[in-house]
Amino acid sequence: MGVLILAAAGILAWRNSRIIAEQRKTKGAIPAVSSYTVQVTRQSETETSVNVTPLIEAAYQELQGTVRVSLCRMNGTMSELKLEHAVQIMEHTCSEYADQGSVIEVLTYSEAVRNEEEGKALDRLGQRLQRSQS
């Protein structure tokens, strides 16, 4: 009786592993959870990190020079910000720089967008930043 139960369990485990493998083939690899950061750089700081992908960038002219504020997706690392929190920080930071200087340009890197959530967030943020430019 025990041998029968073990054999049935083995067959079920084998079938489940085949089903899971088939689902991964049709759906693709399980996507990694993305995290985001907001970077503020001065004109003289042109060094970009290979660990980030810029999604949207706003440039402001101040007395001290040009300041760039970028919302970036972190590549291969975690523990930064969730998308909505990063968007809020980007909005707040950009509104502070807009009060201190003039907006030069707002660039959206739509080719870097990975999913619908990022696309919608960047559209909303881009519209808000463009309004502050006017």
C-alpha atoms as a PDB file:
ATOM      1  CA  MET A   1       0.000   0.000   0.000  1.00  0.00           C
ATOM      2  CA  GLY A   2       2.804   2.441   0.937  1.00  0.00           C
ATOM      3  CA  VAL A   3       4.628   1.734  -2.330  1.00  0.00           C
ATOM      4  CA  LEU A   4       1.495   2.625  -4.282  1.00  0.00           C
ATOM      5  CA  ILE A   5       1.181   5.948  -2.472  1.00  0.00           C
ATOM      6  CA  LEU A   6       4.838   6.785  -3.092  1.00  0.00           C
ATOM      7  CA  ALA A   7       4.517   5.895  -6.787  1.00  0.00           C
ATOM      8  CA  ALA A   8       1.403   8.075  -7.153  1.00  0.00           C
ATOM      9  CA  ALA A   9       3.157  10.976  -5.400  1.00  0.00           C
ATOM     10  CA  GLY A  10       6.141  10.613  -7.729  1.00  0.00           C
ATOM     11  CA  ILE A  11       3.927  10.650 -10.814  1.00  0.00           C
ATOM     12  CA  LEU A  12       2.061  13.748  -9.568  1.00  0.00           C
ATOM     13  CA  ALA A  13       5.320  15.567  -8.850  1.00  0.00           C
ATOM     14  CA  TRP A  14       6.642  14.715 -12.317  1.00  0.00           C
ATOM     15  CA  ARG A  15       3.433  15.939 -14.019  1.00  0.00           C
ATOM     16  CA  ASN A  16       3.453  19.162 -11.974  1.00  0.00           C
ATOM     17  CA  SER A  17       7.039  19.899 -12.965  1.00  0.00           C
ATOM     18  CA  ARG A  18       6.108  19.417 -16.654  1.00  0.00           C
ATOM     19  CA  ILE A  19       3.119  21.757 -16.290  1.00  0.00           C
ATOM     20  CA  ILE A  20       5.255  24.425 -14.605  1.00  0.00           C
ATOM     21  CA  ALA A  21       7.942  24.136 -17.293  1.00  0.00           C
ATOM     22  CA  GLU A  22       5.320  24.500 -20.027  1.00  0.00           C
ATOM     23  CA  GLN A  23       3.819  27.581 -18.351  1.00  0.00           C
ATOM     24  CA  ARG A  24       7.252  29.218 -18.136  1.00  0.00           C
ATOM     25  CA  LYS A  25       7.798  28.609 -21.851  1.00  0.00           C
ATOM     26  CA  THR A  26       4.502  30.223 -22.839  1.00  0.00           C
ATOM     27  CA  LYS A  27       4.630  33.126 -20.375  1.00  0.00           C
ATOM     28  CA  GLY A  28       8.366  33.746 -20.501  1.00  0.00           C
ATOM     29  CA  ALA A  29      10.668  34.156 -17.558  1.00  0.00           C
ATOM     30  CA  ILE A  30       9.231  35.516 -14.350  1.00  0.00           C
ATOM     31  CA  PRO A  31       9.965  39.263 -14.454  1.00  0.00           C
ATOM     32  CA  ALA A  32      12.186  40.745 -11.800  1.00  0.00           C
ATOM     33  CA  VAL A  33      10.720  43.358  -9.502  1.00  0.00           C
ATOM     34  CA  SER A  34      12.002  46.777 -10.473  1.00  0.00           C
ATOM     35  CA  SER A  35      13.175  49.487  -8.136  1.00  0.00           C
ATOM     36  CA  TYR A  36      13.790  53.135  -8.929  1.00  0.00           C
ATOM     37  CA  THR A  37      15.865  56.121  -7.891  1.00  0.00           C
ATOM     38  CA  VAL A  38      15.911  59.870  -8.490  1.00  0.00           C
ATOM     39  CA  GLN A  39      19.292  61.368  -9.348  1.00  0.00           C
ATOM     40  CA  VAL A  40      20.248  65.047  -9.283  1.00  0.00           C
ATOM     41  CA  THR A  41      23.405  66.004 -11.181  1.00  0.00           C
ATOM     42  CA  ARG A  42      25.131  69.270 -12.046  1.00  0.00           C
ATOM     43  CA  GLN A  43      26.479  70.111 -15.507  1.00  0.00           C
ATOM     44  CA  SER A  44      30.008  69.162 -14.437  1.00  0.00           C
ATOM     45  CA  GLU A  45      28.893  65.722 -13.203  1.00  0.00           C
ATOM     46  CA  THR A  46      28.400  63.852 -16.482  1.00  0.00           C
ATOM     47  CA  GLU A  47      29.248  60.392 -15.139  1.00  0.00           C
ATOM     48  CA  THR A  48      26.349  57.950 -15.531  1.00  0.00           C
ATOM     49  CA  SER A  49      26.085  54.655 -13.745  1.00  0.00           C
ATOM     50  CA  VAL A  50      25.712  51.415 -15.701  1.00  0.00           C
ATOM     51  CA  ASN A  51      23.333  50.177 -12.999  1.00  0.00           C
ATOM     52  CA  VAL A  52      20.565  52.637 -13.892  1.00  0.00           C
ATOM     53  CA  THR A  53      18.335  53.213 -16.909  1.00  0.00           C
ATOM     54  CA  PRO A  54      16.997  56.781 -17.195  1.00  0.00           C
ATOM     55  CA  LEU A  55      13.236  56.949 -17.820  1.00  0.00           C
ATOM     56  CA  ILE A  56      12.609  60.700 -17.672  1.00  0.00           C
ATOM     57  CA  GLU A  57      14.896  63.673 -17.180  1.00  0.00           C
ATOM     58  CA  ALA A  58      14.280  67.363 -16.556  1.00  0.00           C
ATOM     59  CA  ALA A  59      16.949  70.046 -16.920  1.00  0.00           C
ATOM     60  CA  TYR A  60      16.884  73.380 -15.081  1.00  0.00           C
ATOM     61  CA  GLN A  61      19.029  76.477 -15.502  1.00  0.00           C
ATOM     62  CA  GLU A  62      20.208  78.085 -12.270  1.00  0.00           C
ATOM     63  CA  LEU A  63      22.734  80.786 -11.503  1.00  0.00           C
ATOM     64  CA  GLN A  64      25.309  78.080 -10.690  1.00  0.00           C
ATOM     65  CA  GLY A  65      24.689  76.197 -13.956  1.00  0.00           C
ATOM     66  CA  THR A  66      22.517  73.414 -15.306  1.00  0.00           C
ATOM     67  CA  VAL A  67      20.913  70.839 -13.005  1.00  0.00           C
ATOM     68  CA  ARG A  68      19.481  67.555 -14.295  1.00  0.00           C
ATOM     69  CA  VAL A  69      16.916  65.575 -12.316  1.00  0.00           C
ATOM     70  CA  SER A  70      16.413  62.003 -13.557  1.00  0.00           C
ATOM     71  CA  LEU A  71      14.009  59.230 -12.621  1.00  0.00           C
ATOM     72  CA  CYS A  72      15.870  55.982 -13.245  1.00  0.00           C
ATOM     73  CA  ARG A  73      15.161  52.260 -12.990  1.00  0.00           C
ATOM     74  CA  MET A  74      17.777  50.350 -11.020  1.00  0.00           C
ATOM     75  CA  ASN A  75      19.257  47.397 -12.920  1.00  0.00           C
ATOM     76  CA  GLY A  76      20.003  44.287 -10.919  1.00  0.00           C
ATOM     77  CA  THR A  77      19.710  45.859  -7.485  1.00  0.00           C
ATOM     78  CA  MET A  78      16.909  46.208  -4.989  1.00  0.00           C
ATOM     79  CA  SER A  79      16.235  48.303  -1.897  1.00  0.00           C
ATOM     80  CA  GLU A  80      15.649  51.602  -3.662  1.00  0.00           C
ATOM     81  CA  LEU A  81      12.187  53.086  -4.252  1.00  0.00           C
ATOM     82  CA  LYS A  82       8.934  51.728  -5.646  1.00  0.00           C
ATOM     83  CA  LEU A  83       7.767  53.492  -8.803  1.00  0.00           C
ATOM     84  CA  GLU A  84       5.021  55.647  -7.275  1.00  0.00           C
ATOM     85  CA  HIS A  85       7.288  56.840  -4.464  1.00  0.00           C
ATOM     86  CA  ALA A  86      10.043  57.698  -6.959  1.00  0.00           C
ATOM     87  CA  VAL A  87       7.515  59.649  -9.077  1.00  0.00           C
ATOM     88  CA  GLN A  88       6.456  61.652  -6.004  1.00  0.00           C
ATOM     89  CA  ILE A  89      10.079  62.462  -5.156  1.00  0.00           C
ATOM     90  CA  MET A  90      10.760  63.434  -8.780  1.00  0.00           C
ATOM     91  CA  GLU A  91       7.740  65.778  -8.794  1.00  0.00           C
ATOM     92  CA  HIS A  92       8.764  67.385  -5.508  1.00  0.00           C
ATOM     93  CA  THR A  93      12.408  67.799  -6.535  1.00  0.00           C
ATOM     94  CA  CYS A  94      11.474  69.241  -9.930  1.00  0.00           C
ATOM     95  CA  SER A  95       9.015  71.712  -8.402  1.00  0.00           C
ATOM     96  CA  GLU A  96      11.789  72.973  -6.092  1.00  0.00           C
ATOM     97  CA  TYR A  97      14.200  73.478  -9.014  1.00  0.00           C
ATOM     98  CA  ALA A  98      11.465  75.093 -11.141  1.00  0.00           C
ATOM     99  CA  ASP A  99      10.935  77.625  -8.338  1.00  0.00           C
ATOM    100  CA  GLN A 100      14.672  78.417  -8.234  1.00  0.00           C
ATOM    101  CA  GLY A 101      15.405  78.497 -11.969  1.00  0.00           C
ATOM    102  CA  SER A 102      13.937  77.994 -15.411  1.00  0.00           C
ATOM    103  CA  VAL A 103      13.104  74.696 -17.088  1.00  0.00           C
ATOM    104  CA  ILE A 104      15.318  74.020 -20.093  1.00  0.00           C
ATOM    105  CA  GLU A 105      13.879  70.708 -21.275  1.00  0.00           C
ATOM    106  CA  VAL A 106      12.017  67.562 -20.272  1.00  0.00           C
ATOM    107  CA  LEU A 107      13.099  64.316 -21.954  1.00  0.00           C
ATOM    108  CA  THR A 108      11.140  61.070 -21.744  1.00  0.00           C
ATOM    109  CA  TYR A 109      12.930  57.856 -22.740  1.00  0.00           C
ATOM    110  CA  SER A 110       9.881  55.855 -23.828  1.00  0.00           C
ATOM    111  CA  GLU A 111      12.042  53.153 -25.454  1.00  0.00           C
ATOM    112  CA  ALA A 112      13.280  52.212 -21.961  1.00  0.00           C
ATOM    113  CA  VAL A 113       9.777  51.571 -20.574  1.00  0.00           C
ATOM    114  CA  ARG A 114       9.314  47.920 -19.573  1.00  0.00           C
ATOM    115  CA  ASN A 115       5.644  47.685 -18.667  1.00  0.00           C
ATOM    116  CA  GLU A 116       2.307  49.466 -18.661  1.00  0.00           C
ATOM    117  CA  GLU A 117       2.751  50.750 -15.096  1.00  0.00           C
ATOM    118  CA  GLU A 118       5.996  52.532 -16.037  1.00  0.00           C
ATOM    119  CA  GLY A 119       4.427  53.896 -19.218  1.00  0.00           C
ATOM    120  CA  LYS A 120       1.422  55.376 -17.425  1.00  0.00           C
ATOM    121  CA  ALA A 121       3.563  56.838 -14.625  1.00  0.00           C
ATOM    122  CA  LEU A 122       5.941  58.469 -17.121  1.00  0.00           C
ATOM    123  CA  ASP A 123       3.056  59.900 -19.159  1.00  0.00           C
ATOM    124  CA  ARG A 124       1.538  61.501 -16.046  1.00  0.00           C
ATOM    125  CA  LEU A 125       4.897  62.785 -14.828  1.00  0.00           C
ATOM    126  CA  GLY A 126       5.872  64.077 -18.271  1.00  0.00           C
ATOM    127  CA  GLN A 127       2.604  66.014 -18.564  1.00  0.00           C
ATOM    128  CA  ARG A 128       3.065  67.580 -15.118  1.00  0.00           C
ATOM    129  CA  LEU A 129       6.658  68.577 -15.859  1.00  0.00           C
ATOM    130  CA  GLN A 130       5.719  70.005 -19.252  1.00  0.00           C
ATOM    131  CA  ARG A 131       3.035  72.152 -17.566  1.00  0.00           C
ATOM    132  CA  SER A 132       5.653  73.548 -15.186  1.00  0.00           C
ATOM    133  CA  GLN A 133       7.814  74.351 -18.214  1.00  0.00           C
ATOM    134  CA  SER A 134       5.107  76.611 -19.703  1.00  0.00           C
END
